[in-house]
Amino acid sequence: MNYIIKNIRIFTALLAITITSCEVVDVTDIQPVFQIDEGSVITDIDGADRALKGVYSLLINNSQFGQAFVVTLPGITTNMGLTQKPGVFSGSSANEVDFFTNEAKPDNGYIADYYPAIYKLINNANHVIEKTANLQTDDPRQEEIIAEAKFLRALAHFYVLRLHGEFFDLDSSYGIVLKSSPVANSDAQPRANVADSYEFILNDLDDAILNAPNFSTTIYASKLAAKALKSKILLYKKEYAQAAALADEVITSGLRTLEPEFADVFEKKINNPLEAIFQTNYDDFNEFNNKQAYFLFFYQLSDDYKELLSDDARYDAIVANGGFYGSINKKFANPENINQRRSDTEYFLRLAEMYLIHAEALLRSDNSETAITIARGQVNTIRERAGNPLLTTTDRFDLLEEVRIEKLLELGAESGEEWFDLVRYHKEGNLDINTIKPLPSEANLILPMPQRTVLVSNNVVVQNPGY
């Protein structure tokens, strides 16, 4: 055991060095297109496909410090929310603790790391879109490749919007920097407003719904994944009737079904999953994306989440006593074997979330008894699968809160979805976020823009209010 602990401390020290080095890197978005590393020139469909696979790979391995989409973003957003807190090796790292206290600063090292990583993916997607569109071919795969790249571009822009933009206010000028073509120079580009940010993202998804491949695998974009993501984004945009209709379309498509047992989702991973709609691929024998390591060493389950789960049937599938490491998230970390490979997947979209999106969107768009009955049935489908008692409430607003809690129980400690739900419910007037997760100020509902990006742009990229 001493040998294991010694190795872990060495591993941690190396990570600390990496964190420090990342904080001084120029994080002003990305390099011009002629310097990026797609790994192949797009002169035909095969080359376009190879370049597209390179964009997918950035979901797994796309930053110097850690994998932004698989490790960093799930970690910090679950710390911002209610399900996780800093782990045993996070006590001295303000970079991590500040997310837990919702006090992240513009010079935070994590923000400096993941922000350019996201835009690198966007830039490479733009390269694929532009170069593939210029190919002279009748191959139907051409439109599919462009549509898949647009799905990835939409996903990445949406992540930036809900982290750094006032996504809850369509009249806000604090949207995000939208990139529609490969970077050709280092000229700074201002932020779009929130309404235009949504329009750009949704246009990409409309193209993906029309032209992406039919669903066949969880690790690549599809028409189904595009519909699921669009439903989620419409919920954020408060277009509730459309969000409900699209979520119902995904559920009733018959292309995905709930796993028989809740634990099956995380035991199967990418091995013939029934429920996942879009998730990252990984090879646990040959890859090392650090997710299991981070969910063991740097993140542990929060006391509030464990208490909420204490009378829930999902407890044993989520919570493990990690001894020295605290309460471990079993969805990703295995406290029984800390020497195992440390790769894992990220569940961007799974069917259970579609049930809960459908329920919330229906309740917000339709106050009829029929809508309440259907919404309650969708939540109860998830509760029944988990082995929990069914809801009986007929009150619309009580049921809305039950949807939020169910989402917290079902999706908790995965991607920080409960944090964004808190923000949305707070802005809708359904709750006061400060009674659940006290914030330093209203400005902390969103994260600051990276300090380096603002400074190097000479304030063309405007900082968020309050930072």
Protein backbone atom coordinates (compact mmCIF):
# COMPACT_ATOMS: atom_id res chain seq x y z
CA MET A 1 0.00 0.00 0.00
CA ASN A 2 2.86 2.41 0.78
CA TYR A 3 4.23 1.71 -2.70
CA ILE A 4 0.88 2.61 -4.25
CA ILE A 5 0.56 5.81 -2.24
CA LYS A 6 4.12 6.78 -3.16
CA ASN A 7 3.34 6.35 -6.86
CA ILE A 8 0.15 8.35 -6.51
CA ARG A 9 2.05 11.21 -4.88
CA ILE A 10 4.60 11.19 -7.68
CA PHE A 11 1.75 11.20 -10.20
CA THR A 12 0.15 14.12 -8.37
CA ALA A 13 3.37 16.09 -8.27
CA LEU A 14 3.78 15.67 -12.01
CA LEU A 15 0.23 16.88 -12.54
CA ALA A 16 0.91 19.90 -10.36
CA ILE A 17 3.90 20.77 -12.54
CA THR A 18 1.70 20.41 -15.61
CA ILE A 19 -0.97 22.67 -14.11
CA THR A 20 1.61 25.34 -13.36
CA SER A 21 3.07 25.19 -16.84
CA CYS A 22 -0.37 25.50 -18.43
CA GLU A 23 -1.11 28.70 -16.58
CA VAL A 24 1.61 30.58 -18.47
CA VAL A 25 0.68 29.30 -21.93
CA ASP A 26 -0.81 31.79 -24.38
CA VAL A 27 -4.48 30.81 -24.35
CA THR A 28 -5.77 33.27 -26.94
CA ASP A 29 -7.99 30.80 -28.71
CA ILE A 30 -6.05 28.84 -31.34
CA GLN A 31 -3.45 28.89 -34.04
CA PRO A 32 -4.15 29.93 -37.65
CA VAL A 33 -5.38 27.20 -39.95
CA PHE A 34 -2.05 26.73 -41.68
CA GLN A 35 -0.52 25.72 -38.34
CA ILE A 36 -3.18 23.32 -37.05
CA ASP A 37 -2.60 19.61 -36.87
CA GLU A 38 -5.48 17.79 -38.56
CA GLY A 39 -2.97 15.15 -39.64
CA SER A 40 -4.11 14.94 -43.23
CA VAL A 41 -4.81 17.13 -46.23
CA ILE A 42 -8.38 16.97 -47.49
CA THR A 43 -8.24 16.25 -51.20
CA ASP A 44 -10.84 13.48 -51.36
CA ILE A 45 -13.57 11.85 -49.28
CA ASP A 46 -11.15 9.44 -47.60
CA GLY A 47 -9.01 12.37 -46.51
CA ALA A 48 -12.08 14.21 -45.25
CA ASP A 49 -13.10 11.16 -43.24
CA ARG A 50 -9.63 10.92 -41.68
CA ALA A 51 -9.71 14.60 -40.76
CA LEU A 52 -13.18 14.17 -39.26
CA LYS A 53 -11.93 11.29 -37.10
CA GLY A 54 -9.24 13.69 -35.92
CA VAL A 55 -11.93 16.10 -34.74
CA TYR A 56 -13.67 13.31 -32.81
CA SER A 57 -10.33 12.46 -31.19
CA LEU A 58 -10.20 15.98 -29.74
CA LEU A 59 -13.17 15.08 -27.54
CA ILE A 60 -10.83 12.66 -25.79
CA ASN A 61 -7.36 14.15 -25.99
CA ASN A 62 -7.28 17.84 -26.75
CA SER A 63 -5.38 19.84 -24.17
CA GLN A 64 -2.05 20.03 -22.48
CA PHE A 65 -3.27 19.58 -18.91
CA GLY A 66 -6.11 17.14 -19.30
CA GLN A 67 -8.87 16.10 -21.61
CA ALA A 68 -11.23 19.06 -21.60
CA PHE A 69 -14.47 17.28 -22.51
CA VAL A 70 -13.83 14.01 -20.66
CA VAL A 71 -12.01 15.17 -17.51
CA THR A 72 -11.87 18.90 -16.93
CA LEU A 73 -15.38 20.07 -17.79
CA PRO A 74 -17.26 17.23 -16.03
CA GLY A 75 -15.03 17.74 -13.01
CA ILE A 76 -15.42 21.47 -12.62
CA THR A 77 -19.15 21.58 -13.40
CA THR A 78 -19.97 18.85 -10.88
CA ASN A 79 -17.94 20.82 -8.33
CA MET A 80 -19.90 23.97 -9.25
CA GLY A 81 -23.12 22.05 -8.74
CA LEU A 82 -24.27 19.75 -5.98
CA THR A 83 -22.83 16.32 -6.62
CA GLN A 84 -19.08 16.50 -6.10
CA LYS A 85 -16.44 18.35 -4.12
CA PRO A 86 -12.65 18.61 -4.34
CA GLY A 87 -10.90 15.31 -3.66
CA VAL A 88 -8.00 14.45 -1.39
CA PHE A 89 -5.39 15.95 -3.73
CA SER A 90 -7.34 19.16 -4.39
CA GLY A 91 -7.09 20.82 -0.99
CA SER A 92 -4.24 23.14 -1.91
CA SER A 93 -5.38 23.90 -5.45
CA ALA A 94 -7.36 27.11 -5.66
CA ASN A 95 -7.95 26.27 -9.31
CA GLU A 96 -10.26 23.40 -8.27
CA VAL A 97 -11.61 24.66 -4.95
CA ASP A 98 -12.76 27.93 -6.53
CA PHE A 99 -15.26 26.04 -8.69
CA PHE A 100 -16.68 24.32 -5.61
CA THR A 101 -17.15 27.71 -3.91
CA ASN A 102 -18.30 29.25 -7.20
CA GLU A 103 -15.52 31.83 -7.05
CA ALA A 104 -13.48 31.00 -10.16
CA LYS A 105 -11.42 33.97 -11.34
CA PRO A 106 -10.52 35.02 -14.91
CA ASP A 107 -6.97 33.75 -14.41
CA ASN A 108 -8.08 30.28 -13.24
CA GLY A 109 -5.78 27.63 -14.71
CA TYR A 110 -8.59 25.26 -15.67
CA ILE A 111 -10.37 27.96 -17.67
CA ALA A 112 -7.09 28.87 -19.32
CA ASP A 113 -6.75 25.21 -20.33
CA TYR A 114 -10.17 24.13 -21.55
CA TYR A 115 -11.24 27.33 -23.34
CA PRO A 116 -8.64 27.09 -26.13
CA ALA A 117 -9.10 23.31 -26.21
CA ILE A 118 -12.77 23.79 -27.10
CA TYR A 119 -11.91 26.32 -29.78
CA LYS A 120 -9.28 24.03 -31.20
CA LEU A 121 -12.00 21.46 -31.78
CA ILE A 122 -14.19 24.14 -33.38
CA ASN A 123 -11.33 25.26 -35.61
CA ASN A 124 -10.59 21.73 -36.79
CA ALA A 125 -14.29 21.12 -37.40
CA ASN A 126 -14.36 24.29 -39.49
CA HIS A 127 -11.40 23.01 -41.49
CA VAL A 128 -13.29 19.80 -42.26
CA ILE A 129 -16.48 21.68 -43.15
CA GLU A 130 -14.79 24.14 -45.49
CA LYS A 131 -12.43 21.75 -47.25
CA THR A 132 -14.99 18.96 -47.63
CA ALA A 133 -17.54 21.37 -49.10
CA ASN A 134 -14.98 22.32 -51.76
CA LEU A 135 -14.49 18.74 -52.98
CA GLN A 136 -15.80 17.99 -56.46
CA THR A 137 -17.59 14.70 -55.85
CA ASP A 138 -20.95 12.98 -56.08
CA ASP A 139 -20.21 10.79 -53.06
CA PRO A 140 -23.17 11.08 -50.59
CA ARG A 141 -20.66 10.77 -47.76
CA GLN A 142 -19.65 14.39 -48.46
CA GLU A 143 -22.82 15.83 -46.89
CA GLU A 144 -22.60 13.39 -43.98
CA ILE A 145 -19.05 14.43 -43.11
CA ILE A 146 -20.00 18.12 -43.16
CA ALA A 147 -23.07 17.41 -41.01
CA GLU A 148 -21.08 15.44 -38.44
CA ALA A 149 -18.52 18.24 -38.21
CA LYS A 150 -21.35 20.73 -37.72
CA PHE A 151 -22.76 18.61 -34.91
CA LEU A 152 -19.37 18.70 -33.17
CA ARG A 153 -19.09 22.44 -33.77
CA ALA A 154 -22.55 22.96 -32.28
CA LEU A 155 -21.74 20.83 -29.25
CA ALA A 156 -18.54 22.79 -28.58
CA HIS A 157 -20.16 26.21 -29.03
CA PHE A 158 -22.99 25.15 -26.70
CA TYR A 159 -20.49 24.22 -24.00
CA VAL A 160 -18.92 27.67 -24.21
CA LEU A 161 -22.33 29.38 -24.22
CA ARG A 162 -23.65 27.77 -21.07
CA LEU A 163 -20.34 28.14 -19.23
CA HIS A 164 -19.40 31.69 -20.22
CA GLY A 165 -22.48 33.28 -21.79
CA GLU A 166 -25.72 34.55 -20.30
CA PHE A 167 -27.57 31.67 -21.94
CA PHE A 168 -30.66 32.36 -19.81
CA ASP A 169 -31.28 35.82 -21.31
CA LEU A 170 -32.01 36.04 -25.04
CA ASP A 171 -31.72 39.83 -24.87
CA SER A 172 -28.21 39.71 -23.43
CA SER A 173 -25.20 40.94 -25.40
CA TYR A 174 -22.99 38.47 -23.50
CA GLY A 175 -23.00 35.56 -25.89
CA ILE A 176 -19.87 33.86 -27.19
CA VAL A 177 -17.25 34.17 -29.88
CA LEU A 178 -18.69 32.28 -32.86
CA LYS A 179 -16.27 30.65 -35.29
CA SER A 180 -17.73 29.75 -38.68
CA SER A 181 -14.49 29.26 -40.62
CA PRO A 182 -10.92 28.17 -39.94
CA VAL A 183 -8.75 30.79 -38.27
CA ALA A 184 -6.62 32.50 -40.90
CA ASN A 185 -4.99 35.17 -38.73
CA SER A 186 -4.73 36.29 -35.12
CA ASP A 187 -7.26 39.14 -35.35
CA ALA A 188 -9.55 39.24 -32.31
CA GLN A 189 -13.24 38.60 -32.88
CA PRO A 190 -15.94 40.07 -30.60
CA ARG A 191 -18.60 38.05 -28.85
CA ALA A 192 -21.97 37.59 -30.51
CA ASN A 193 -25.12 38.25 -28.52
CA VAL A 194 -26.99 35.37 -26.92
CA ALA A 195 -29.79 35.23 -29.50
CA ASP A 196 -27.32 35.03 -32.38
CA SER A 197 -25.29 32.42 -30.51
CA TYR A 198 -28.33 30.18 -30.21
CA GLU A 199 -29.27 30.73 -33.84
CA PHE A 200 -25.80 29.73 -35.06
CA ILE A 201 -25.74 26.57 -32.92
CA LEU A 202 -29.26 25.51 -33.88
CA ASN A 203 -28.58 26.06 -37.59
CA ASP A 204 -25.67 23.64 -37.33
CA LEU A 205 -27.92 21.07 -35.68
CA ASP A 206 -30.64 21.50 -38.29
CA ASP A 207 -28.05 20.63 -40.93
CA ALA A 208 -26.97 17.61 -38.88
CA ILE A 209 -30.58 16.44 -38.48
CA LEU A 210 -31.04 16.68 -42.24
CA ASN A 211 -27.73 15.27 -43.47
CA ALA A 212 -25.93 13.33 -40.72
CA PRO A 213 -25.91 9.52 -40.94
CA ASN A 214 -28.74 7.54 -39.44
CA PHE A 215 -27.97 6.26 -35.96
CA SER A 216 -25.73 3.20 -35.93
CA THR A 217 -23.20 3.81 -33.14
CA THR A 218 -22.91 5.92 -30.02
CA ILE A 219 -19.43 7.25 -30.75
CA TYR A 220 -20.25 9.22 -33.91
CA ALA A 221 -22.77 11.94 -34.61
CA SER A 222 -26.11 10.94 -36.10
CA LYS A 223 -29.49 12.39 -36.93
CA LEU A 224 -30.72 11.04 -33.60
CA ALA A 225 -27.89 12.64 -31.62
CA ALA A 226 -28.53 15.95 -33.37
CA LYS A 227 -32.22 15.80 -32.47
CA ALA A 228 -31.37 14.99 -28.85
CA LEU A 229 -28.89 17.85 -28.57
CA LYS A 230 -31.28 20.27 -30.26
CA SER A 231 -34.01 19.30 -27.79
CA LYS A 232 -31.66 20.05 -24.90
CA ILE A 233 -30.60 23.41 -26.36
CA LEU A 234 -34.21 24.41 -27.05
CA LEU A 235 -34.93 23.73 -23.37
CA TYR A 236 -32.15 26.18 -22.45
CA LYS A 237 -33.49 28.68 -25.00
CA LYS A 238 -36.95 28.38 -23.43
CA GLU A 239 -38.61 27.14 -26.60
CA TYR A 240 -40.35 24.55 -24.50
CA ALA A 241 -43.01 23.21 -26.85
CA GLN A 242 -40.42 22.49 -29.54
CA ALA A 243 -38.04 20.97 -26.99
CA ALA A 244 -40.80 18.64 -25.75
CA ALA A 245 -41.78 17.57 -29.26
CA LEU A 246 -38.21 16.81 -30.27
CA ALA A 247 -37.45 14.91 -27.05
CA ASP A 248 -40.55 12.81 -27.62
CA GLU A 249 -39.37 12.11 -31.17
CA VAL A 250 -36.07 10.77 -29.83
CA ILE A 251 -37.77 8.65 -27.17
CA THR A 252 -40.35 7.13 -29.51
CA SER A 253 -37.90 6.55 -32.39
CA GLY A 254 -37.19 3.06 -31.07
CA LEU A 255 -33.49 3.53 -31.83
CA ARG A 256 -32.51 3.64 -28.17
CA THR A 257 -34.00 2.06 -25.07
CA LEU A 258 -33.29 2.35 -21.36
CA GLU A 259 -30.89 -0.16 -19.90
CA PRO A 260 -32.77 -2.73 -17.77
CA GLU A 261 -30.80 -1.67 -14.67
CA PHE A 262 -29.39 1.75 -13.83
CA ALA A 263 -25.96 0.30 -13.05
CA ASP A 264 -25.81 -1.28 -16.52
CA VAL A 265 -25.16 2.16 -18.05
CA PHE A 266 -21.84 2.43 -16.24
CA GLU A 267 -20.88 -1.23 -16.24
CA LYS A 268 -21.35 -1.60 -19.99
CA LYS A 269 -19.71 1.69 -20.90
CA ILE A 270 -19.27 1.41 -24.68
CA ASN A 271 -19.82 -2.35 -24.76
CA ASN A 272 -23.11 -2.73 -26.68
CA PRO A 273 -24.91 0.13 -24.88
CA LEU A 274 -28.68 0.36 -25.25
CA GLU A 275 -29.22 3.81 -23.74
CA ALA A 276 -26.32 6.03 -24.79
CA ILE A 277 -27.04 8.35 -27.72
CA PHE A 278 -23.66 10.03 -28.01
CA GLN A 279 -20.57 9.30 -25.95
CA THR A 280 -16.81 9.35 -26.33
CA ASN A 281 -15.01 6.24 -27.44
CA TYR A 282 -12.06 4.98 -25.41
CA ASP A 283 -9.81 1.96 -25.21
CA ASP A 284 -9.22 1.04 -21.57
CA PHE A 285 -6.24 -1.14 -22.48
CA ASN A 286 -4.34 1.26 -24.69
CA GLU A 287 -5.48 4.77 -23.84
CA PHE A 288 -4.96 7.01 -20.85
CA ASN A 289 -7.36 9.93 -20.69
CA ASN A 290 -7.06 10.35 -16.91
CA LYS A 291 -10.80 10.30 -16.16
CA GLN A 292 -10.76 7.45 -13.65
CA ALA A 293 -7.67 8.91 -12.00
CA TYR A 294 -9.26 12.32 -11.56
CA PHE A 295 -12.55 10.94 -10.27
CA LEU A 296 -10.51 9.05 -7.69
CA PHE A 297 -7.87 11.58 -6.65
CA PHE A 298 -9.28 15.03 -7.41
CA TYR A 299 -13.07 14.75 -7.15
CA GLN A 300 -15.22 13.00 -4.56
CA LEU A 301 -18.96 12.87 -3.99
CA SER A 302 -20.40 15.72 -1.96
CA ASP A 303 -22.06 15.23 1.40
CA ASP A 304 -25.34 16.69 0.11
CA TYR A 305 -25.41 14.28 -2.82
CA LYS A 306 -24.74 11.27 -0.62
CA GLU A 307 -27.52 12.37 1.73
CA LEU A 308 -29.94 12.78 -1.17
CA LEU A 309 -29.00 9.32 -2.42
CA SER A 310 -29.22 7.70 1.01
CA ASP A 311 -32.82 6.55 0.47
CA ASP A 312 -32.54 6.13 -3.31
CA ALA A 313 -32.13 2.75 -5.01
CA ARG A 314 -29.24 4.10 -7.11
CA TYR A 315 -26.99 4.60 -4.08
CA ASP A 316 -24.93 1.41 -4.41
CA ALA A 317 -24.35 2.00 -8.12
CA ILE A 318 -22.99 5.50 -7.49
CA VAL A 319 -21.36 5.65 -4.06
CA ALA A 320 -18.34 3.74 -2.81
CA ASN A 321 -16.22 4.22 0.28
CA GLY A 322 -12.76 4.97 -1.03
CA GLY A 323 -11.14 5.07 2.39
CA PHE A 324 -8.24 7.48 2.09
CA TYR A 325 -9.83 8.96 -1.06
CA GLY A 326 -13.21 9.72 0.51
CA SER A 327 -16.56 8.94 -1.13
CA ILE A 328 -15.91 7.77 -4.67
CA ASN A 329 -18.09 8.19 -7.75
CA LYS A 330 -18.49 4.59 -8.95
CA LYS A 331 -19.79 5.73 -12.32
CA PHE A 332 -16.17 6.32 -13.28
CA ALA A 333 -13.67 5.56 -10.52
CA ASN A 334 -12.93 2.11 -9.13
CA PRO A 335 -11.61 2.37 -5.55
CA GLU A 336 -10.98 -1.39 -5.43
CA ASN A 337 -8.21 -1.21 -8.00
CA ILE A 338 -6.41 2.11 -8.24
CA ASN A 339 -3.79 0.59 -10.52
CA GLN A 340 -6.28 -0.15 -13.29
CA ARG A 341 -6.18 1.75 -16.57
CA ARG A 342 -7.52 5.23 -16.13
CA SER A 343 -9.48 5.88 -19.32
CA ASP A 344 -13.24 6.22 -19.42
CA THR A 345 -16.09 7.61 -21.47
CA GLU A 346 -18.16 10.79 -21.30
CA TYR A 347 -21.93 10.47 -21.67
CA PHE A 348 -22.86 13.57 -23.67
CA LEU A 349 -26.40 12.34 -24.32
CA ARG A 350 -28.30 9.34 -23.01
CA LEU A 351 -31.95 8.42 -23.25
CA ALA A 352 -32.79 8.91 -19.57
CA GLU A 353 -32.06 12.62 -19.95
CA MET A 354 -34.46 12.79 -22.90
CA TYR A 355 -37.29 11.52 -20.68
CA LEU A 356 -36.56 14.25 -18.14
CA ILE A 357 -36.15 16.98 -20.77
CA HIS A 358 -39.49 15.92 -22.23
CA ALA A 359 -41.13 16.10 -18.79
CA GLU A 360 -39.76 19.55 -17.93
CA ALA A 361 -40.41 21.07 -21.34
CA LEU A 362 -43.97 19.71 -21.36
CA LEU A 363 -44.69 21.14 -17.91
CA ARG A 364 -43.33 24.54 -18.92
CA SER A 365 -45.26 24.68 -22.20
CA ASP A 366 -48.60 23.12 -21.24
CA ASN A 367 -50.46 23.42 -17.92
CA SER A 368 -53.20 20.94 -18.80
CA GLU A 369 -53.94 17.87 -16.71
CA THR A 370 -52.95 15.70 -19.67
CA ALA A 371 -49.51 17.31 -19.83
CA ILE A 372 -49.01 16.84 -16.09
CA THR A 373 -49.98 13.18 -16.38
CA ILE A 374 -47.62 12.55 -19.28
CA ALA A 375 -44.74 14.42 -17.60
CA ARG A 376 -45.24 12.48 -14.36
CA GLY A 377 -45.22 9.26 -16.36
CA GLN A 378 -41.88 10.17 -17.98
CA VAL A 379 -40.28 10.81 -14.58
CA ASN A 380 -41.79 7.61 -13.21
CA THR A 381 -40.30 5.63 -16.09
CA ILE A 382 -36.85 6.67 -14.84
CA ARG A 383 -37.78 6.08 -11.20
CA GLU A 384 -39.20 2.65 -11.96
CA ARG A 385 -36.04 1.62 -13.82
CA ALA A 386 -34.05 2.70 -10.76
CA GLY A 387 -36.30 0.73 -8.39
CA ASN A 388 -37.77 3.77 -6.61
CA PRO A 389 -41.38 4.50 -5.58
CA LEU A 390 -43.45 6.25 -8.23
CA LEU A 391 -44.53 9.88 -7.96
CA THR A 392 -48.19 10.70 -7.41
CA THR A 393 -48.20 14.50 -7.27
CA THR A 394 -50.67 16.32 -9.52
CA ASP A 395 -49.32 19.81 -8.83
CA ARG A 396 -47.48 21.25 -11.84
CA PHE A 397 -44.88 23.23 -9.89
CA ASP A 398 -44.21 20.43 -7.41
CA LEU A 399 -43.66 18.13 -10.37
CA LEU A 400 -41.23 20.59 -11.96
CA GLU A 401 -39.12 20.40 -8.81
CA GLU A 402 -39.39 16.62 -8.85
CA VAL A 403 -38.00 16.65 -12.39
CA ARG A 404 -34.99 18.67 -11.22
CA ILE A 405 -34.35 16.35 -8.30
CA GLU A 406 -34.74 13.26 -10.47
CA LYS A 407 -32.25 14.67 -12.94
CA LEU A 408 -29.87 15.29 -10.06
CA LEU A 409 -30.23 11.70 -8.86
CA GLU A 410 -30.06 10.09 -12.30
CA LEU A 411 -27.41 12.21 -14.04
CA GLY A 412 -25.55 13.46 -10.97
CA ALA A 413 -21.74 13.44 -10.95
CA GLU A 414 -21.65 12.91 -14.73
CA SER A 415 -21.45 16.26 -16.49
CA GLY A 416 -22.60 18.88 -14.01
CA GLU A 417 -26.07 19.04 -15.49
CA GLU A 418 -27.53 19.81 -12.07
CA TRP A 419 -25.54 23.08 -11.95
CA PHE A 420 -27.06 24.36 -15.17
CA ASP A 421 -30.50 23.22 -13.97
CA LEU A 422 -30.04 25.28 -10.80
CA VAL A 423 -29.19 28.34 -12.90
CA ARG A 424 -32.16 27.80 -15.23
CA TYR A 425 -34.65 27.17 -12.42
CA HIS A 426 -33.30 30.21 -10.55
CA LYS A 427 -33.76 32.43 -13.58
CA GLU A 428 -37.26 31.02 -14.18
CA GLY A 429 -38.21 31.95 -10.61
CA ASN A 430 -38.81 28.33 -9.56
CA LEU A 431 -36.22 28.55 -6.76
CA ASP A 432 -33.63 30.80 -5.16
CA ILE A 433 -30.26 29.27 -5.96
CA ASN A 434 -28.75 30.80 -2.83
CA THR A 435 -30.92 28.62 -0.59
CA ILE A 436 -29.40 25.55 -2.24
CA LYS A 437 -25.90 26.60 -3.37
CA PRO A 438 -25.06 30.07 -2.00
CA LEU A 439 -23.17 32.21 -4.52
CA PRO A 440 -20.84 35.16 -3.91
CA SER A 441 -22.95 37.19 -6.35
CA GLU A 442 -25.37 36.88 -9.26
CA ALA A 443 -22.37 37.29 -11.58
CA ASN A 444 -21.22 33.82 -10.55
CA LEU A 445 -24.08 32.17 -12.40
CA ILE A 446 -21.63 32.05 -15.30
CA LEU A 447 -17.85 31.77 -15.43
CA PRO A 448 -15.53 34.59 -16.44
CA MET A 449 -13.90 34.75 -19.83
CA PRO A 450 -10.23 33.73 -19.69
CA GLN A 451 -8.16 36.71 -18.61
CA ARG A 452 -5.50 36.07 -21.26
CA THR A 453 -8.07 36.05 -24.06
CA VAL A 454 -9.53 39.38 -22.93
CA LEU A 455 -6.12 41.04 -22.51
CA VAL A 456 -4.56 39.88 -25.77
CA SER A 457 -7.70 40.90 -27.68
CA ASN A 458 -7.33 44.45 -26.26
CA ASN A 459 -10.81 44.02 -24.80
CA VAL A 460 -12.39 43.20 -28.16
CA VAL A 461 -13.50 40.07 -26.30
CA VAL A 462 -15.45 41.69 -23.47
CA GLN A 463 -15.24 40.26 -19.97
CA ASN A 464 -18.45 39.15 -18.25
CA PRO A 465 -20.10 41.58 -15.80
CA GLY A 466 -18.82 41.36 -12.24
CA TYR A 467 -15.37 39.97 -13.09
